[in-house]
Amino acid sequence: MAKRAAKKGPRSVRLSADRLRAGWPGPVATRVRLAQAQDTDAVDALLDEAGDR
């Protein structure tokens, strides 16, 4: 019987209501959360820098 190679790559995250409200732990002491209304200026600035407007 052949060994199966472990799948590498990003794992999906289950988005519960609590995670949508509070976010979830990200890499290296960060927190992933959805953008909020007060984040629009920062998002616009990042998109301008990336040239992906």
PDB file of N, CA and C in Angstrom:
ATOM      1  N   MET A   1       0.838  -1.173   0.000  1.00  0.00           N
ATOM      2  CA  MET A   1       0.000   0.000   0.000  1.00  0.00           C
ATOM      3  C   MET A   1       0.894   1.253   0.000  1.00  0.00           C
ATOM      4  N   ALA A   2       0.625   2.162  -0.898  1.00  0.00           N
ATOM      5  CA  ALA A   2       1.429   3.383  -1.014  1.00  0.00           C
ATOM      6  C   ALA A   2       1.069   4.386   0.081  1.00  0.00           C
ATOM      7  N   LYS A   3       2.078   5.110   0.516  1.00  0.00           N
ATOM      8  CA  LYS A   3       1.838   6.153   1.515  1.00  0.00           C
ATOM      9  C   LYS A   3       1.231   7.368   0.842  1.00  0.00           C
ATOM     10  N   ARG A   4       0.338   8.028   1.543  1.00  0.00           N
ATOM     11  CA  ARG A   4      -0.245   9.255   1.012  1.00  0.00           C
ATOM     12  C   ARG A   4       0.566  10.439   1.496  1.00  0.00           C
ATOM     13  N   ALA A   5       0.844  11.343   0.591  1.00  0.00           N
ATOM     14  CA  ALA A   5       1.560  12.564   0.964  1.00  0.00           C
ATOM     15  C   ALA A   5       0.583  13.517   1.635  1.00  0.00           C
ATOM     16  N   ALA A   6       1.044  14.165   2.661  1.00  0.00           N
ATOM     17  CA  ALA A   6       0.196  15.150   3.350  1.00  0.00           C
ATOM     18  C   ALA A   6      -0.055  16.327   2.419  1.00  0.00           C
ATOM     19  N   LYS A   7      -1.290  16.795   2.427  1.00  0.00           N
ATOM     20  CA  LYS A   7      -1.619  17.954   1.597  1.00  0.00           C
ATOM     21  C   LYS A   7      -1.033  19.202   2.235  1.00  0.00           C
ATOM     22  N   LYS A   8      -0.326  19.955   1.464  1.00  0.00           N
ATOM     23  CA  LYS A   8       0.263  21.205   1.934  1.00  0.00           C
ATOM     24  C   LYS A   8      -0.539  22.362   1.345  1.00  0.00           C
ATOM     25  N   GLY A   9      -0.531  23.463   2.030  1.00  0.00           N
ATOM     26  CA  GLY A   9      -1.222  24.636   1.518  1.00  0.00           C
ATOM     27  C   GLY A   9      -2.169  25.198   2.551  1.00  0.00           C
ATOM     28  N   PRO A  10      -2.834  26.267   2.189  1.00  0.00           N
ATOM     29  CA  PRO A  10      -3.720  26.930   3.154  1.00  0.00           C
ATOM     30  C   PRO A  10      -4.902  26.052   3.534  1.00  0.00           C
ATOM     31  N   ARG A  11      -5.227  26.080   4.814  1.00  0.00           N
ATOM     32  CA  ARG A  11      -6.399  25.359   5.296  1.00  0.00           C
ATOM     33  C   ARG A  11      -7.552  26.335   5.402  1.00  0.00           C
ATOM     34  N   SER A  12      -8.735  25.867   5.108  1.00  0.00           N
ATOM     35  CA  SER A  12      -9.887  26.751   5.217  1.00  0.00           C
ATOM     36  C   SER A  12     -10.234  26.946   6.694  1.00  0.00           C
ATOM     37  N   VAL A  13     -10.822  28.080   6.990  1.00  0.00           N
ATOM     38  CA  VAL A  13     -11.206  28.424   8.356  1.00  0.00           C
ATOM     39  C   VAL A  13     -12.721  28.454   8.423  1.00  0.00           C
ATOM     40  N   ARG A  14     -13.290  27.770   9.393  1.00  0.00           N
ATOM     41  CA  ARG A  14     -14.740  27.813   9.568  1.00  0.00           C
ATOM     42  C   ARG A  14     -15.116  29.157  10.170  1.00  0.00           C
ATOM     43  N   LEU A  15     -16.045  29.853   9.526  1.00  0.00           N
ATOM     44  CA  LEU A  15     -16.438  31.187   9.969  1.00  0.00           C
ATOM     45  C   LEU A  15     -17.724  31.117  10.787  1.00  0.00           C
ATOM     46  N   SER A  16     -17.559  31.029  12.080  1.00  0.00           N
ATOM     47  CA  SER A  16     -18.715  31.046  12.965  1.00  0.00           C
ATOM     48  C   SER A  16     -19.100  32.504  13.235  1.00  0.00           C
ATOM     49  N   ALA A  17     -20.241  32.704  13.833  1.00  0.00           N
ATOM     50  CA  ALA A  17     -20.673  34.067  14.158  1.00  0.00           C
ATOM     51  C   ALA A  17     -19.685  34.738  15.103  1.00  0.00           C
ATOM     52  N   ASP A  18     -19.151  33.990  16.069  1.00  0.00           N
ATOM     53  CA  ASP A  18     -18.163  34.565  16.994  1.00  0.00           C
ATOM     54  C   ASP A  18     -16.897  34.984  16.268  1.00  0.00           C
ATOM     55  N   ARG A  19     -16.440  34.153  15.345  1.00  0.00           N
ATOM     56  CA  ARG A  19     -15.230  34.512  14.602  1.00  0.00           C
ATOM     57  C   ARG A  19     -15.468  35.735  13.721  1.00  0.00           C
ATOM     58  N   LEU A  20     -16.657  35.850  13.148  1.00  0.00           N
ATOM     59  CA  LEU A  20     -16.942  37.024  12.329  1.00  0.00           C
ATOM     60  C   LEU A  20     -16.958  38.291  13.172  1.00  0.00           C
ATOM     61  N   ARG A  21     -17.425  38.181  14.407  1.00  0.00           N
ATOM     62  CA  ARG A  21     -17.457  39.347  15.299  1.00  0.00           C
ATOM     63  C   ARG A  21     -16.076  39.677  15.861  1.00  0.00           C
ATOM     64  N   ALA A  22     -15.357  38.687  16.357  1.00  0.00           N
ATOM     65  CA  ALA A  22     -14.119  38.924  17.108  1.00  0.00           C
ATOM     66  C   ALA A  22     -12.848  38.647  16.313  1.00  0.00           C
ATOM     67  N   GLY A  23     -12.958  37.958  15.190  1.00  0.00           N
ATOM     68  CA  GLY A  23     -11.772  37.580  14.431  1.00  0.00           C
ATOM     69  C   GLY A  23     -11.220  36.264  14.928  1.00  0.00           C
ATOM     70  N   TRP A  24     -10.068  35.843  14.406  1.00  0.00           N
ATOM     71  CA  TRP A  24      -9.438  34.601  14.829  1.00  0.00           C
ATOM     72  C   TRP A  24      -7.935  34.796  14.808  1.00  0.00           C
ATOM     73  N   PRO A  25      -7.186  33.987  15.570  1.00  0.00           N
ATOM     74  CA  PRO A  25      -5.735  34.139  15.643  1.00  0.00           C
ATOM     75  C   PRO A  25      -5.080  33.936  14.285  1.00  0.00           C
ATOM     76  N   GLY A  26      -4.142  34.802  13.967  1.00  0.00           N
ATOM     77  CA  GLY A  26      -3.384  34.689  12.729  1.00  0.00           C
ATOM     78  C   GLY A  26      -1.935  34.351  13.041  1.00  0.00           C
ATOM     79  N   PRO A  27      -1.065  34.409  12.046  1.00  0.00           N
ATOM     80  CA  PRO A  27       0.342  34.078  12.269  1.00  0.00           C
ATOM     81  C   PRO A  27       1.056  35.150  13.092  1.00  0.00           C
ATOM     82  N   VAL A  28       2.010  34.732  13.872  1.00  0.00           N
ATOM     83  CA  VAL A  28       2.911  35.598  14.637  1.00  0.00           C
ATOM     84  C   VAL A  28       2.160  36.682  15.415  1.00  0.00           C
ATOM     85  N   ALA A  29       1.340  36.269  16.336  1.00  0.00           N
ATOM     86  CA  ALA A  29       0.649  37.174  17.267  1.00  0.00           C
ATOM     87  C   ALA A  29      -0.190  38.242  16.558  1.00  0.00           C
ATOM     88  N   THR A  30      -0.871  37.867  15.477  1.00  0.00           N
ATOM     89  CA  THR A  30      -1.773  38.792  14.788  1.00  0.00           C
ATOM     90  C   THR A  30      -3.209  38.299  14.948  1.00  0.00           C
ATOM     91  N   ARG A  31      -4.147  39.128  14.561  1.00  0.00           N
ATOM     92  CA  ARG A  31      -5.559  38.761  14.634  1.00  0.00           C
ATOM     93  C   ARG A  31      -6.192  39.043  13.276  1.00  0.00           C
ATOM     94  N   VAL A  32      -6.870  38.075  12.697  1.00  0.00           N
ATOM     95  CA  VAL A  32      -7.552  38.228  11.415  1.00  0.00           C
ATOM     96  C   VAL A  32      -9.008  38.566  11.704  1.00  0.00           C
ATOM     97  N   ARG A  33      -9.512  39.607  11.071  1.00  0.00           N
ATOM     98  CA  ARG A  33     -10.907  39.987  11.254  1.00  0.00           C
ATOM     99  C   ARG A  33     -11.400  40.641   9.979  1.00  0.00           C
ATOM    100  N   LEU A  34     -12.696  40.773   9.858  1.00  0.00           N
ATOM    101  CA  LEU A  34     -13.277  41.443   8.701  1.00  0.00           C
ATOM    102  C   LEU A  34     -13.055  42.945   8.806  1.00  0.00           C
ATOM    103  N   ALA A  35     -12.957  43.601   7.659  1.00  0.00           N
ATOM    104  CA  ALA A  35     -12.830  45.056   7.654  1.00  0.00           C
ATOM    105  C   ALA A  35     -14.122  45.682   8.164  1.00  0.00           C
ATOM    106  N   GLN A  36     -13.987  46.801   8.823  1.00  0.00           N
ATOM    107  CA  GLN A  36     -15.139  47.529   9.336  1.00  0.00           C
ATOM    108  C   GLN A  36     -15.190  48.902   8.679  1.00  0.00           C
ATOM    109  N   ALA A  37     -16.246  49.628   8.907  1.00  0.00           N
ATOM    110  CA  ALA A  37     -16.445  50.915   8.234  1.00  0.00           C
ATOM    111  C   ALA A  37     -15.265  51.869   8.461  1.00  0.00           C
ATOM    112  N   GLN A  38     -14.706  51.885   9.658  1.00  0.00           N
ATOM    113  CA  GLN A  38     -13.607  52.809   9.935  1.00  0.00           C
ATOM    114  C   GLN A  38     -12.300  52.374   9.260  1.00  0.00           C
ATOM    115  N   ASP A  39     -12.265  51.200   8.650  1.00  0.00           N
ATOM    116  CA  ASP A  39     -11.066  50.698   7.985  1.00  0.00           C
ATOM    117  C   ASP A  39     -10.969  51.097   6.516  1.00  0.00           C
ATOM    118  N   THR A  40     -11.980  51.761   5.973  1.00  0.00           N
ATOM    119  CA  THR A  40     -11.995  52.018   4.532  1.00  0.00           C
ATOM    120  C   THR A  40     -10.828  52.877   4.062  1.00  0.00           C
ATOM    121  N   ASP A  41     -10.410  53.874   4.832  1.00  0.00           N
ATOM    122  CA  ASP A  41      -9.270  54.703   4.425  1.00  0.00           C
ATOM    123  C   ASP A  41      -7.983  53.879   4.347  1.00  0.00           C
ATOM    124  N   ALA A  42      -7.770  53.010   5.312  1.00  0.00           N
ATOM    125  CA  ALA A  42      -6.578  52.163   5.307  1.00  0.00           C
ATOM    126  C   ALA A  42      -6.617  51.170   4.150  1.00  0.00           C
ATOM    127  N   VAL A  43      -7.775  50.606   3.876  1.00  0.00           N
ATOM    128  CA  VAL A  43      -7.911  49.667   2.756  1.00  0.00           C
ATOM    129  C   VAL A  43      -7.660  50.383   1.439  1.00  0.00           C
ATOM    130  N   ASP A  44      -8.213  51.582   1.274  1.00  0.00           N
ATOM    131  CA  ASP A  44      -7.979  52.355   0.047  1.00  0.00           C
ATOM    132  C   ASP A  44      -6.500  52.647  -0.146  1.00  0.00           C
ATOM    133  N   ALA A  45      -5.793  53.001   0.928  1.00  0.00           N
ATOM    134  CA  ALA A  45      -4.367  53.296   0.846  1.00  0.00           C
ATOM    135  C   ALA A  45      -3.575  52.043   0.450  1.00  0.00           C
ATOM    136  N   LEU A  46      -3.925  50.894   1.014  1.00  0.00           N
ATOM    137  CA  LEU A  46      -3.249  49.651   0.653  1.00  0.00           C
ATOM    138  C   LEU A  46      -3.490  49.287  -0.803  1.00  0.00           C
ATOM    139  N   LEU A  47      -4.723  49.463  -1.275  1.00  0.00           N
ATOM    140  CA  LEU A  47      -5.016  49.170  -2.681  1.00  0.00           C
ATOM    141  C   LEU A  47      -4.258  50.101  -3.621  1.00  0.00           C
ATOM    142  N   ASP A  48      -4.136  51.384  -3.251  1.00  0.00           N
ATOM    143  CA  ASP A  48      -3.357  52.329  -4.064  1.00  0.00           C
ATOM    144  C   ASP A  48      -1.888  51.914  -4.132  1.00  0.00           C
ATOM    145  N   GLU A  49      -1.323  51.505  -2.980  1.00  0.00           N
ATOM    146  CA  GLU A  49       0.073  51.070  -2.948  1.00  0.00           C
ATOM    147  C   GLU A  49       0.288  49.829  -3.792  1.00  0.00           C
ATOM    148  N   ALA A  50      -0.684  48.919  -3.766  1.00  0.00           N
ATOM    149  CA  ALA A  50      -0.558  47.677  -4.518  1.00  0.00           C
ATOM    150  C   ALA A  50      -0.831  47.877  -6.002  1.00  0.00           C
ATOM    151  N   GLY A  51      -1.413  49.033  -6.356  1.00  0.00           N
ATOM    152  CA  GLY A  51      -1.735  49.287  -7.749  1.00  0.00           C
ATOM    153  C   GLY A  51      -2.887  48.417  -8.239  1.00  0.00           C
ATOM    154  N   ASP A  52      -3.747  48.028  -7.316  1.00  0.00           N
ATOM    155  CA  ASP A  52      -4.837  47.114  -7.637  1.00  0.00           C
ATOM    156  C   ASP A  52      -6.165  47.763  -7.357  1.00  0.00           C
ATOM    157  N   ARG A  53      -6.320  48.982  -7.793  1.00  0.00           N
ATOM    158  CA  ARG A  53      -7.529  49.761  -7.483  1.00  0.00           C
ATOM    159  C   ARG A  53      -8.689  49.302  -8.286  1.00  0.00           C
TER     160      ARG A  53
END
